[in-house]
């Protein structure tokens, strides 16, 4: 909330008079989705765009009060007049043009995908598949991964991609670079990247919780955690609750000499968890993407 840019997810129907979509007025019907499903979709889209300084909302007043060059409307509707028979459609590089895009699949994956087109992203495909234009995901460790700009509807983890995977059809497209050049900016870093700039936390009562965002692939969130007595401690890094996570959490714990006493990467879940016995002192706990 309060971000300068807005992605408005419209589930309520819309009268569209935009000649690029149709020579005549399009009366798009409401999505017909339940409030619970709308919230699920909003959470998924918000997770996809969480690194960026943008408000993902279904509040029309927020959209209406945002400058036209800093907003986009994605209409979730069964009315596919703009592109009959497709799952969704958008014009490339139209985020700043106040031109709507369309979600006919009525799901969050399609909204993120079509908004991606408005930010000048093309498709990520797989030359080994029957439909090479859209990569529908592949096995990565013990889960399925896929690009948002593909068609990985069943993948457990979807991400913005730079085309660095086998059989990629668009290996020269770095999604994050384009998104931040064609309409959005990264949100401000919430925690420092090293012990000098990280947050100091003194543990007296359990549990202590911090919420944060890994804004960039190079971001590290560091916490200097001090214990006053010998004790067993459980440290967990968890993804976004109630939404498909885009982040595979990597967790490291270093002692005051910056020697790694625990590291968890390459696991088969998005989260990281450890329980270990620690001597009194200060430890550096770092979270980043794996």
Protein backbone atom coordinates (compact mmCIF):
# COMPACT_ATOMS: atom_id res chain seq x y z
CA UNK A 1 0.00 0.00 0.00
CA UNK A 2 1.16 3.52 -0.78
CA UNK A 3 3.58 2.49 -3.52
CA UNK A 4 3.88 4.92 -6.47
CA UNK A 5 2.93 2.29 -9.06
CA UNK A 6 -0.24 0.18 -9.11
CA UNK A 7 -1.30 -3.15 -10.59
CA UNK A 8 -5.09 -3.12 -10.44
CA UNK A 9 -6.65 -6.59 -10.63
CA UNK A 10 -10.20 -5.99 -11.85
CA UNK A 11 -12.64 -8.82 -11.10
CA UNK A 12 -15.80 -6.69 -11.32
CA UNK A 13 -16.23 -6.28 -15.07
CA UNK A 14 -15.36 -3.27 -17.19
CA UNK A 15 -16.59 -1.23 -20.16
CA UNK A 16 -13.52 -0.84 -22.39
CA UNK A 17 -13.28 1.70 -25.20
CA UNK A 18 -9.74 1.23 -26.47
CA UNK A 19 -9.43 0.99 -30.28
CA UNK A 20 -6.24 -1.08 -30.02
CA UNK A 21 -8.37 -3.85 -28.51
CA UNK A 22 -11.57 -3.42 -30.47
CA UNK A 23 -13.22 -1.01 -32.88
CA UNK A 24 -16.35 -1.28 -30.77
CA UNK A 25 -16.99 -1.16 -27.02
CA UNK A 26 -16.11 -4.30 -25.04
CA UNK A 27 -18.52 -4.99 -22.19
CA UNK A 28 -16.37 -7.34 -20.10
CA UNK A 29 -18.38 -9.45 -17.67
CA UNK A 30 -17.39 -9.81 -14.00
CA UNK A 31 -15.15 -12.75 -13.19
CA UNK A 32 -17.76 -14.46 -11.01
CA UNK A 33 -15.02 -15.58 -8.60
CA UNK A 34 -15.64 -15.90 -4.86
CA UNK A 35 -14.05 -13.47 -2.41
CA UNK A 36 -11.84 -16.29 -1.13
CA UNK A 37 -10.51 -17.07 -4.59
CA UNK A 38 -9.97 -13.38 -5.36
CA UNK A 39 -7.85 -13.08 -2.20
CA UNK A 40 -5.86 -16.18 -3.20
CA UNK A 41 -5.17 -14.64 -6.61
CA UNK A 42 -4.17 -11.28 -5.11
CA UNK A 43 -1.72 -13.02 -2.77
CA UNK A 44 -0.15 -14.91 -5.66
CA UNK A 45 0.27 -11.79 -7.83
CA UNK A 46 1.55 -9.79 -4.85
CA UNK A 47 4.16 -12.48 -4.21
CA UNK A 48 5.31 -12.37 -7.85
CA UNK A 49 5.74 -8.58 -7.67
CA UNK A 50 6.94 -8.37 -4.05
CA UNK A 51 10.50 -7.26 -4.96
CA UNK A 52 9.12 -4.13 -6.61
CA UNK A 53 7.73 -0.86 -5.30
CA UNK A 54 4.21 -1.52 -6.56
CA UNK A 55 0.77 -1.91 -5.00
CA UNK A 56 -1.13 -5.02 -6.15
CA UNK A 57 -4.78 -4.30 -5.37
CA UNK A 58 -8.41 -4.79 -6.35
CA UNK A 59 -9.37 -1.39 -4.91
CA UNK A 60 -10.62 0.73 -7.81
CA UNK A 61 -10.14 4.00 -5.92
CA UNK A 62 -6.40 3.29 -5.62
CA UNK A 63 -6.15 2.76 -9.37
CA UNK A 64 -8.20 5.86 -10.18
CA UNK A 65 -6.00 8.08 -7.98
CA UNK A 66 -2.73 6.85 -9.54
CA UNK A 67 -1.14 8.74 -12.48
CA UNK A 68 -1.91 7.02 -15.79
CA UNK A 69 1.77 6.37 -16.54
CA UNK A 70 2.27 4.47 -13.29
CA UNK A 71 -0.58 1.98 -13.39
CA UNK A 72 -1.99 -0.96 -15.29
CA UNK A 73 -5.38 -2.67 -15.14
CA UNK A 74 -5.66 -6.40 -15.71
CA UNK A 75 -9.27 -7.46 -16.28
CA UNK A 76 -10.18 -10.99 -15.17
CA UNK A 77 -13.23 -11.88 -17.23
CA UNK A 78 -14.75 -14.69 -19.31
CA UNK A 79 -15.35 -12.12 -22.07
CA UNK A 80 -12.48 -12.88 -24.47
CA UNK A 81 -13.45 -10.42 -27.22
CA UNK A 82 -9.95 -8.91 -27.23
CA UNK A 83 -8.38 -12.27 -28.15
CA UNK A 84 -10.92 -15.06 -28.69
CA UNK A 85 -9.83 -18.48 -27.48
CA UNK A 86 -6.72 -17.32 -25.63
CA UNK A 87 -5.96 -17.51 -21.91
CA UNK A 88 -5.00 -13.86 -21.74
CA UNK A 89 -3.46 -11.10 -23.79
CA UNK A 90 -1.50 -7.86 -23.42
CA UNK A 91 0.47 -5.40 -25.54
CA UNK A 92 4.22 -5.28 -24.99
CA UNK A 93 5.62 -2.23 -23.20
CA UNK A 94 2.18 -0.78 -22.42
CA UNK A 95 2.46 -0.36 -18.64
CA UNK A 96 2.87 3.42 -18.94
CA UNK A 97 0.26 3.80 -21.69
CA UNK A 98 -2.88 3.25 -19.56
CA UNK A 99 -3.84 0.32 -21.79
CA UNK A 100 -5.62 -2.60 -20.12
CA UNK A 101 -4.52 -6.22 -20.32
CA UNK A 102 -6.65 -9.33 -20.03
CA UNK A 103 -6.88 -12.53 -17.96
CA UNK A 104 -9.36 -15.04 -19.41
CA UNK A 105 -7.99 -18.02 -17.42
CA UNK A 106 -9.19 -16.31 -14.23
CA UNK A 107 -6.04 -17.07 -12.25
CA UNK A 108 -3.08 -15.28 -10.70
CA UNK A 109 -0.44 -16.89 -12.91
CA UNK A 110 -2.07 -15.38 -15.99
CA UNK A 111 -2.37 -11.93 -14.39
CA UNK A 112 1.34 -11.84 -13.53
CA UNK A 113 2.21 -13.16 -17.01
CA UNK A 114 0.11 -10.56 -18.85
CA UNK A 115 1.31 -7.69 -16.64
CA UNK A 116 4.82 -8.96 -17.44
CA UNK A 117 4.08 -8.34 -21.13
CA UNK A 118 3.08 -4.75 -20.32
CA UNK A 119 6.56 -4.39 -18.77
CA UNK A 120 8.06 -5.45 -22.13
CA UNK A 121 8.64 -9.12 -21.33
CA UNK A 122 8.30 -11.74 -24.05
CA UNK A 123 7.76 -15.45 -23.51
CA UNK A 124 10.21 -17.93 -22.00
CA UNK A 125 9.88 -21.20 -23.89
CA UNK A 126 11.43 -24.66 -24.15
CA UNK A 127 12.61 -25.88 -27.54
CA UNK A 128 12.23 -29.53 -26.46
CA UNK A 129 8.49 -29.27 -25.79
CA UNK A 130 5.56 -29.72 -28.16
CA UNK A 131 4.57 -26.06 -27.64
CA UNK A 132 8.04 -24.48 -27.52
CA UNK A 133 6.85 -20.88 -27.04
CA UNK A 134 5.70 -21.54 -23.46
CA UNK A 135 7.90 -23.41 -21.01
CA UNK A 136 5.55 -25.37 -18.74
CA UNK A 137 8.15 -26.19 -16.08
CA UNK A 138 10.80 -28.77 -15.36
CA UNK A 139 12.06 -30.76 -12.39
CA UNK A 140 14.57 -28.87 -10.22
CA UNK A 141 15.86 -30.83 -7.23
CA UNK A 142 12.65 -32.33 -5.83
CA UNK A 143 10.11 -29.81 -7.08
CA UNK A 144 8.92 -28.39 -10.38
CA UNK A 145 10.16 -24.94 -11.39
CA UNK A 146 8.94 -22.71 -14.19
CA UNK A 147 9.16 -19.14 -15.48
CA UNK A 148 6.29 -16.69 -14.94
CA UNK A 149 6.58 -15.79 -18.63
CA UNK A 150 6.03 -19.43 -19.58
CA UNK A 151 2.99 -21.54 -18.75
CA UNK A 152 4.10 -23.25 -15.55
CA UNK A 153 0.67 -23.39 -13.95
CA UNK A 154 1.42 -26.60 -12.03
CA UNK A 155 4.95 -25.75 -10.87
CA UNK A 156 5.56 -25.48 -7.13
CA UNK A 157 7.87 -22.53 -7.67
CA UNK A 158 7.64 -19.90 -10.41
CA UNK A 159 10.02 -16.99 -10.83
CA UNK A 160 11.07 -14.17 -13.10
CA UNK A 161 13.80 -15.70 -15.24
CA UNK A 162 16.89 -14.72 -17.18
CA UNK A 163 16.50 -17.69 -19.53
CA UNK A 164 19.30 -19.64 -17.85
CA UNK A 165 17.89 -23.15 -18.20
CA UNK A 166 18.28 -26.03 -20.64
CA UNK A 167 16.45 -25.68 -23.97
CA UNK A 168 15.61 -22.03 -23.27
CA UNK A 169 14.19 -20.18 -26.28
CA UNK A 170 14.80 -16.68 -24.89
CA UNK A 171 18.15 -16.84 -23.11
CA UNK A 172 18.90 -13.16 -23.78
CA UNK A 173 15.91 -11.85 -21.79
CA UNK A 174 16.56 -10.90 -18.17
CA UNK A 175 13.08 -10.34 -16.76
CA UNK A 176 14.21 -8.36 -13.71
CA UNK A 177 16.30 -6.00 -15.81
CA UNK A 178 13.40 -5.29 -18.17
CA UNK A 179 10.80 -4.88 -15.42
CA UNK A 180 12.91 -2.21 -13.73
CA UNK A 181 13.48 -0.39 -17.03
CA UNK A 182 9.91 -0.40 -18.29
CA UNK A 183 7.76 0.74 -15.40
CA UNK A 184 8.71 -0.54 -11.94
CA UNK A 185 11.56 0.00 -9.51
CA UNK A 186 12.84 -2.21 -6.71
CA UNK A 187 11.53 -1.53 -3.23
CA UNK A 188 14.03 -0.23 -0.68
CA UNK A 189 16.21 -2.83 1.04
CA UNK A 190 14.71 -3.61 4.43
CA UNK A 191 17.74 -5.12 6.22
CA UNK A 192 21.49 -4.68 5.80
CA UNK A 193 23.58 -7.14 3.77
CA UNK A 194 26.36 -7.70 6.36
CA UNK A 195 26.98 -7.70 10.11
CA UNK A 196 27.91 -4.00 10.13
CA UNK A 197 24.55 -2.94 8.68
CA UNK A 198 22.35 -5.81 9.85
CA UNK A 199 19.81 -5.57 12.67
CA UNK A 200 21.00 -6.30 16.23
CA UNK A 201 18.69 -8.63 18.15
CA UNK A 202 19.12 -9.63 21.79
CA UNK A 203 17.28 -12.83 22.67
CA UNK A 204 15.60 -13.06 26.04
CA UNK A 205 12.22 -14.58 25.27
CA UNK A 206 11.30 -16.88 22.40
CA UNK A 207 10.15 -16.61 19.74
CA UNK A 208 11.44 -13.55 17.91
CA UNK A 209 10.07 -12.97 14.41
CA UNK A 210 11.17 -10.68 11.60
CA UNK A 211 9.39 -10.28 8.28
CA UNK A 212 11.32 -9.21 5.22
CA UNK A 213 11.69 -9.28 1.45
CA UNK A 214 14.63 -10.47 -0.61
CA UNK A 215 14.33 -7.64 -3.13
CA UNK A 216 17.06 -8.72 -5.53
CA UNK A 217 18.88 -11.91 -6.43
CA UNK A 218 21.97 -10.39 -4.76
CA UNK A 219 20.19 -9.31 -1.57
CA UNK A 220 21.16 -10.73 1.84
CA UNK A 221 19.23 -9.92 5.02
CA UNK A 222 21.49 -10.12 8.09
CA UNK A 223 20.59 -10.27 11.79
CA UNK A 224 23.16 -10.13 14.61
CA UNK A 225 21.58 -12.34 17.27
CA UNK A 226 22.98 -12.33 20.81
CA UNK A 227 22.39 -15.09 23.37
CA UNK A 228 23.32 -14.58 27.02
CA UNK A 229 23.48 -18.24 28.03
CA UNK A 230 24.11 -21.68 26.58
CA UNK A 231 20.97 -23.05 25.05
CA UNK A 232 19.23 -24.89 22.29
CA UNK A 233 17.79 -22.61 19.62
CA UNK A 234 15.56 -23.23 16.64
CA UNK A 235 15.97 -20.89 13.69
CA UNK A 236 13.61 -21.03 10.72
CA UNK A 237 13.41 -19.11 7.48
CA UNK A 238 9.97 -19.45 5.93
CA UNK A 239 8.35 -18.22 2.75
CA UNK A 240 5.23 -16.11 2.44
CA UNK A 241 2.36 -17.68 4.33
CA UNK A 242 -0.80 -18.33 2.34
CA UNK A 243 0.70 -17.86 -1.12
CA UNK A 244 2.92 -19.73 -3.53
CA UNK A 245 6.45 -18.58 -2.72
CA UNK A 246 8.91 -17.26 -5.28
CA UNK A 247 11.83 -17.59 -2.85
CA UNK A 248 13.82 -20.71 -2.00
CA UNK A 249 15.30 -19.70 1.36
CA UNK A 250 19.01 -20.12 2.03
CA UNK A 251 19.91 -19.86 5.74
CA UNK A 252 23.41 -19.39 7.21
CA UNK A 253 24.55 -18.95 10.81
CA UNK A 254 28.05 -17.62 11.51
CA UNK A 255 29.80 -17.13 14.85
CA UNK A 256 31.60 -13.96 15.96
CA UNK A 257 34.71 -15.04 14.00
CA UNK A 258 32.48 -15.33 10.90
CA UNK A 259 32.94 -19.09 10.80
CA UNK A 260 29.88 -20.87 9.42
CA UNK A 261 28.31 -23.05 12.12
CA UNK A 262 25.25 -23.95 10.03
CA UNK A 263 24.24 -23.66 6.40
CA UNK A 264 21.17 -24.96 4.64
CA UNK A 265 20.87 -24.74 0.86
CA UNK A 266 19.75 -27.06 -1.91
CA UNK A 267 17.02 -28.59 0.23
CA UNK A 268 13.74 -29.90 -1.10
CA UNK A 269 11.52 -27.26 0.48
CA UNK A 270 11.23 -23.51 0.03
CA UNK A 271 11.94 -23.01 3.74
CA UNK A 272 15.01 -23.52 5.93
CA UNK A 273 15.01 -24.85 9.49
CA UNK A 274 17.59 -25.84 12.06
CA UNK A 275 17.78 -26.63 15.77
CA UNK A 276 21.21 -26.47 17.34
CA UNK A 277 23.07 -25.89 20.61
CA UNK A 278 24.85 -22.54 20.81
CA UNK A 279 27.38 -21.15 23.24
CA UNK A 280 26.66 -17.65 24.63
CA UNK A 281 27.61 -14.91 22.20
CA UNK A 282 26.59 -13.09 19.06
CA UNK A 283 25.82 -14.91 15.86
CA UNK A 284 25.17 -13.65 12.37
CA UNK A 285 22.03 -15.09 10.81
CA UNK A 286 21.75 -14.42 7.07
CA UNK A 287 18.85 -15.07 4.71
CA UNK A 288 19.08 -14.97 0.94
CA UNK A 289 17.83 -16.78 -2.13
CA UNK A 290 19.14 -20.26 -2.91
